[in-house]
Amino acid sequence: MALFLFLVLVAVGLGIAGVVVKGLFYLLIVGAAVFLAALVLLGVVLSRRRHPPRHRMPR
C-alpha cells in the first residue's frame, strides 16, 4: 500500500511539473502513465487479498 501511495505522489508531482513548466508537457503524460500503473498495482494487490486459500474440509 505504501508503494501505491508513493506512486500516486510521484504522478501528482510529475503532473504539476508538466503543467507549470512550459515545454515539459511530456512530464504530464509520464505522470498519467505512473498513475495508471499505480491503479493497476492496487487492483492486483486487492484481488490477491480477496481470495484466501481454500482449505479442504475433513470428512
N, C-alpha and C. Protein backbone atom coordinates (compact mmCIF):
# COMPACT_ATOMS: atom_id res chain seq x y z
N MET A 1 0.83 -1.19 0.00
CA MET A 1 0.00 0.00 0.00
C MET A 1 0.88 1.25 0.00
N ALA A 2 2.02 1.18 0.66
CA ALA A 2 2.92 2.33 0.68
C ALA A 2 3.46 2.61 -0.71
N LEU A 3 3.71 1.56 -1.48
CA LEU A 3 4.19 1.75 -2.84
C LEU A 3 3.13 2.45 -3.68
N PHE A 4 1.86 2.11 -3.50
CA PHE A 4 0.78 2.76 -4.22
C PHE A 4 0.74 4.26 -3.90
N LEU A 5 0.83 4.59 -2.62
CA LEU A 5 0.80 5.99 -2.23
C LEU A 5 2.00 6.75 -2.78
N PHE A 6 3.16 6.12 -2.76
CA PHE A 6 4.36 6.74 -3.31
C PHE A 6 4.19 7.01 -4.80
N LEU A 7 3.67 6.03 -5.53
CA LEU A 7 3.47 6.21 -6.97
C LEU A 7 2.45 7.30 -7.27
N VAL A 8 1.42 7.41 -6.46
CA VAL A 8 0.44 8.48 -6.65
C VAL A 8 1.09 9.84 -6.41
N LEU A 9 1.91 9.95 -5.37
CA LEU A 9 2.61 11.21 -5.11
C LEU A 9 3.55 11.57 -6.25
N VAL A 10 4.26 10.60 -6.78
CA VAL A 10 5.15 10.85 -7.91
C VAL A 10 4.34 11.30 -9.13
N ALA A 11 3.21 10.66 -9.36
CA ALA A 11 2.37 11.03 -10.51
C ALA A 11 1.85 12.45 -10.36
N VAL A 12 1.43 12.82 -9.17
CA VAL A 12 0.94 14.19 -8.95
C VAL A 12 2.07 15.20 -9.14
N GLY A 13 3.23 14.90 -8.62
CA GLY A 13 4.38 15.81 -8.80
C GLY A 13 4.76 15.98 -10.25
N LEU A 14 4.82 14.88 -10.98
CA LEU A 14 5.14 14.98 -12.41
C LEU A 14 4.05 15.72 -13.18
N GLY A 15 2.81 15.49 -12.81
CA GLY A 15 1.70 16.17 -13.48
C GLY A 15 1.75 17.67 -13.25
N ILE A 16 2.01 18.08 -12.01
CA ILE A 16 2.10 19.51 -11.72
C ILE A 16 3.28 20.14 -12.45
N ALA A 17 4.42 19.47 -12.44
CA ALA A 17 5.58 19.99 -13.15
C ALA A 17 5.32 20.07 -14.65
N GLY A 18 4.60 19.11 -15.19
CA GLY A 18 4.30 19.13 -16.61
C GLY A 18 3.36 20.24 -17.01
N VAL A 19 2.48 20.63 -16.12
CA VAL A 19 1.55 21.72 -16.41
C VAL A 19 2.20 23.08 -16.20
N VAL A 20 2.98 23.22 -15.14
CA VAL A 20 3.53 24.52 -14.76
C VAL A 20 4.69 24.93 -15.67
N VAL A 21 5.62 24.03 -15.89
CA VAL A 21 6.82 24.37 -16.65
C VAL A 21 6.52 24.28 -18.14
N LYS A 22 6.76 25.37 -18.83
CA LYS A 22 6.48 25.40 -20.27
C LYS A 22 7.48 24.51 -21.02
N GLY A 23 6.96 23.68 -21.89
CA GLY A 23 7.81 22.81 -22.69
C GLY A 23 8.04 21.44 -22.08
N LEU A 24 7.48 21.18 -20.90
CA LEU A 24 7.65 19.88 -20.27
C LEU A 24 6.31 19.14 -20.18
N PHE A 25 5.55 19.24 -21.25
CA PHE A 25 4.25 18.57 -21.30
C PHE A 25 4.39 17.07 -21.20
N TYR A 26 5.53 16.54 -21.64
CA TYR A 26 5.73 15.09 -21.58
C TYR A 26 5.72 14.59 -20.13
N LEU A 27 6.08 15.45 -19.17
CA LEU A 27 6.02 15.03 -17.77
C LEU A 27 4.59 14.78 -17.33
N LEU A 28 3.66 15.54 -17.89
CA LEU A 28 2.25 15.30 -17.58
C LEU A 28 1.83 13.93 -18.09
N ILE A 29 2.28 13.58 -19.28
CA ILE A 29 1.97 12.27 -19.85
C ILE A 29 2.60 11.16 -19.01
N VAL A 30 3.84 11.35 -18.61
CA VAL A 30 4.52 10.35 -17.77
C VAL A 30 3.81 10.23 -16.42
N GLY A 31 3.38 11.35 -15.86
CA GLY A 31 2.65 11.32 -14.59
C GLY A 31 1.36 10.55 -14.71
N ALA A 32 0.64 10.73 -15.83
CA ALA A 32 -0.60 9.99 -16.05
C ALA A 32 -0.32 8.50 -16.19
N ALA A 33 0.78 8.14 -16.86
CA ALA A 33 1.14 6.73 -17.00
C ALA A 33 1.51 6.11 -15.65
N VAL A 34 2.22 6.86 -14.83
CA VAL A 34 2.59 6.36 -13.50
C VAL A 34 1.33 6.18 -12.65
N PHE A 35 0.38 7.11 -12.76
CA PHE A 35 -0.87 6.99 -12.01
C PHE A 35 -1.65 5.76 -12.44
N LEU A 36 -1.71 5.50 -13.74
CA LEU A 36 -2.40 4.29 -14.21
C LEU A 36 -1.69 3.03 -13.73
N ALA A 37 -0.37 3.05 -13.73
CA ALA A 37 0.37 1.89 -13.22
C ALA A 37 0.09 1.67 -11.73
N ALA A 38 -0.05 2.76 -10.98
CA ALA A 38 -0.37 2.64 -9.56
C ALA A 38 -1.75 2.05 -9.36
N LEU A 39 -2.71 2.43 -10.19
CA LEU A 39 -4.06 1.86 -10.09
C LEU A 39 -4.06 0.37 -10.42
N VAL A 40 -3.29 -0.03 -11.42
CA VAL A 40 -3.18 -1.45 -11.76
C VAL A 40 -2.54 -2.22 -10.62
N LEU A 41 -1.50 -1.65 -10.03
CA LEU A 41 -0.85 -2.29 -8.88
C LEU A 41 -1.82 -2.45 -7.72
N LEU A 42 -2.60 -1.43 -7.45
CA LEU A 42 -3.58 -1.51 -6.38
C LEU A 42 -4.62 -2.59 -6.67
N GLY A 43 -5.06 -2.69 -7.91
CA GLY A 43 -6.02 -3.73 -8.28
C GLY A 43 -5.47 -5.13 -8.08
N VAL A 44 -4.21 -5.31 -8.44
CA VAL A 44 -3.58 -6.63 -8.27
C VAL A 44 -3.46 -6.98 -6.79
N VAL A 45 -3.05 -6.03 -5.99
CA VAL A 45 -2.89 -6.28 -4.55
C VAL A 45 -4.23 -6.59 -3.90
N LEU A 46 -5.26 -5.82 -4.25
CA LEU A 46 -6.57 -6.06 -3.64
C LEU A 46 -7.19 -7.36 -4.12
N SER A 47 -6.93 -7.76 -5.35
CA SER A 47 -7.51 -9.01 -5.84
C SER A 47 -6.85 -10.22 -5.16
N ARG A 48 -5.60 -10.10 -4.78
CA ARG A 48 -4.94 -11.20 -4.07
C ARG A 48 -5.48 -11.35 -2.66
N ARG A 49 -5.86 -10.25 -2.04
CA ARG A 49 -6.36 -10.31 -0.66
C ARG A 49 -7.77 -10.86 -0.59
N ARG A 50 -8.55 -10.73 -1.63
CA ARG A 50 -9.94 -11.17 -1.60
C ARG A 50 -10.09 -12.68 -1.64
N HIS A 51 -9.15 -13.37 -2.22
CA HIS A 51 -9.27 -14.80 -2.41
C HIS A 51 -8.33 -15.55 -1.47
N PRO A 52 -8.80 -15.82 -0.25
CA PRO A 52 -7.94 -16.59 0.66
C PRO A 52 -7.82 -18.02 0.17
N PRO A 53 -6.76 -18.68 0.53
CA PRO A 53 -6.60 -20.07 0.10
C PRO A 53 -7.71 -20.94 0.67
N ARG A 54 -8.23 -21.81 -0.15
CA ARG A 54 -9.32 -22.69 0.30
C ARG A 54 -8.74 -23.92 0.99
N HIS A 55 -9.32 -24.23 2.12
CA HIS A 55 -8.89 -25.41 2.87
C HIS A 55 -9.92 -26.51 2.66
N ARG A 56 -9.42 -27.71 2.57
CA ARG A 56 -10.34 -28.85 2.40
C ARG A 56 -10.98 -29.21 3.72
N MET A 57 -12.23 -29.46 3.66
CA MET A 57 -12.97 -29.85 4.86
C MET A 57 -12.74 -31.34 5.13
N PRO A 58 -12.45 -31.71 6.36
CA PRO A 58 -12.29 -33.15 6.67
C PRO A 58 -13.64 -33.86 6.60
N ARG A 59 -13.61 -35.10 6.16
CA ARG A 59 -14.86 -35.88 6.03
C ARG A 59 -15.12 -36.70 7.24
